[in-house]
Amino acid sequence: MIDFKAVQKLRVQDGDLVVVPESTEQEDMVRLAECIQLMNNARAVIVRGPIKQLDTAAMNKLGWYRA
């Protein structure tokens, strides 16, 4: 179930990254993606948070080699 207290109003555009609370179920994430596409005619990447950006050295160390 989505934690509605944690939801914020967003204007999602095509290609955006949306971070949802860690407790969000996969089925709810799929529904959210479908709603975003229907309401805004946009596709977004939806991930469970928290998320952080890694630099190239950190990705290489983890085996995620970047070209």
C-alpha atoms as a PDB file:
ATOM      1  CA  MET A   1       0.000   0.000   0.000  1.00  0.00           C
ATOM      2  CA  ILE A   2       1.238   3.487  -0.827  1.00  0.00           C
ATOM      3  CA  ASP A   3       1.963   5.687   2.182  1.00  0.00           C
ATOM      4  CA  PHE A   4      -0.223   8.652   1.191  1.00  0.00           C
ATOM      5  CA  LYS A   5       1.317  10.866   3.910  1.00  0.00           C
ATOM      6  CA  ALA A   6       4.637  10.540   2.075  1.00  0.00           C
ATOM      7  CA  VAL A   7       3.206  11.408  -1.361  1.00  0.00           C
ATOM      8  CA  GLN A   8       3.964  14.804  -2.832  1.00  0.00           C
ATOM      9  CA  LYS A   9       2.384  16.546  -5.787  1.00  0.00           C
ATOM     10  CA  LEU A  10       4.605  16.117  -8.826  1.00  0.00           C
ATOM     11  CA  ARG A  11       4.366  17.147 -12.440  1.00  0.00           C
ATOM     12  CA  VAL A  12       5.943  14.032 -13.921  1.00  0.00           C
ATOM     13  CA  GLN A  13       7.369  14.418 -17.401  1.00  0.00           C
ATOM     14  CA  ASP A  14       8.562  11.844 -19.889  1.00  0.00           C
ATOM     15  CA  GLY A  15      11.835  10.272 -18.753  1.00  0.00           C
ATOM     16  CA  ASP A  16      11.639  11.438 -15.123  1.00  0.00           C
ATOM     17  CA  LEU A  17      12.895   9.363 -12.202  1.00  0.00           C
ATOM     18  CA  VAL A  18      10.332   8.943  -9.403  1.00  0.00           C
ATOM     19  CA  VAL A  19      11.501   7.659  -6.007  1.00  0.00           C
ATOM     20  CA  VAL A  20       8.795   6.095  -3.820  1.00  0.00           C
ATOM     21  CA  PRO A  21       9.095   5.008  -0.166  1.00  0.00           C
ATOM     22  CA  GLU A  22      10.886   1.700   0.474  1.00  0.00           C
ATOM     23  CA  SER A  23       7.650   0.185   1.801  1.00  0.00           C
ATOM     24  CA  THR A  24       5.890   0.566  -1.576  1.00  0.00           C
ATOM     25  CA  GLU A  25       4.776  -2.748  -3.075  1.00  0.00           C
ATOM     26  CA  GLN A  26       5.767  -3.722  -6.618  1.00  0.00           C
ATOM     27  CA  GLU A  27       2.113  -3.918  -7.680  1.00  0.00           C
ATOM     28  CA  ASP A  28       1.539  -0.331  -6.500  1.00  0.00           C
ATOM     29  CA  MET A  29       4.610   0.831  -8.430  1.00  0.00           C
ATOM     30  CA  VAL A  30       3.221  -0.753 -11.598  1.00  0.00           C
ATOM     31  CA  ARG A  31      -0.139   0.970 -11.037  1.00  0.00           C
ATOM     32  CA  LEU A  32       1.599   4.293 -10.470  1.00  0.00           C
ATOM     33  CA  ALA A  33       3.537   3.920 -13.736  1.00  0.00           C
ATOM     34  CA  GLU A  34       0.306   3.143 -15.587  1.00  0.00           C
ATOM     35  CA  CYS A  35      -1.406   6.184 -14.057  1.00  0.00           C
ATOM     36  CA  ILE A  36       1.494   8.467 -14.965  1.00  0.00           C
ATOM     37  CA  GLN A  37       1.324   7.260 -18.542  1.00  0.00           C
ATOM     38  CA  LEU A  38      -2.459   7.731 -18.716  1.00  0.00           C
ATOM     39  CA  MET A  39      -2.578  11.133 -16.997  1.00  0.00           C
ATOM     40  CA  ASN A  40       0.539  12.781 -18.440  1.00  0.00           C
ATOM     41  CA  ASN A  41       1.221  10.662 -21.530  1.00  0.00           C
ATOM     42  CA  ALA A  42       4.683  10.122 -20.056  1.00  0.00           C
ATOM     43  CA  ARG A  43       6.893   7.200 -19.129  1.00  0.00           C
ATOM     44  CA  ALA A  44       8.869   7.404 -15.918  1.00  0.00           C
ATOM     45  CA  VAL A  45      11.348   5.196 -14.091  1.00  0.00           C
ATOM     46  CA  ILE A  46      10.027   4.332 -10.635  1.00  0.00           C
ATOM     47  CA  VAL A  47      12.379   3.060  -7.923  1.00  0.00           C
ATOM     48  CA  ARG A  48      12.085   2.362  -4.224  1.00  0.00           C
ATOM     49  CA  GLY A  49      14.114   4.849  -2.157  1.00  0.00           C
ATOM     50  CA  PRO A  50      16.474   5.883  -0.889  1.00  0.00           C
ATOM     51  CA  ILE A  51      18.631   6.279  -3.963  1.00  0.00           C
ATOM     52  CA  LYS A  52      21.999   7.947  -4.436  1.00  0.00           C
ATOM     53  CA  GLN A  53      24.173   8.791  -7.394  1.00  0.00           C
ATOM     54  CA  LEU A  54      27.438   6.905  -7.733  1.00  0.00           C
ATOM     55  CA  ASP A  55      30.510   8.154  -9.518  1.00  0.00           C
ATOM     56  CA  THR A  56      32.296   6.079 -12.157  1.00  0.00           C
ATOM     57  CA  ALA A  57      34.943   4.762  -9.704  1.00  0.00           C
ATOM     58  CA  ALA A  58      32.285   3.519  -7.279  1.00  0.00           C
ATOM     59  CA  MET A  59      30.343   1.824 -10.089  1.00  0.00           C
ATOM     60  CA  ASN A  60      33.497   0.133 -11.382  1.00  0.00           C
ATOM     61  CA  LYS A  61      34.308  -1.116  -7.878  1.00  0.00           C
ATOM     62  CA  LEU A  62      30.853  -2.710  -7.699  1.00  0.00           C
ATOM     63  CA  GLY A  63      31.333  -4.324 -11.120  1.00  0.00           C
ATOM     64  CA  TRP A  64      29.028  -1.913 -12.957  1.00  0.00           C
ATOM     65  CA  TYR A  65      31.519  -0.900 -15.623  1.00  0.00           C
ATOM     66  CA  ARG A  66      30.720   2.286 -17.428  1.00  0.00           C
ATOM     67  CA  ALA A  67      31.942   2.735 -20.981  1.00  0.00           C
END
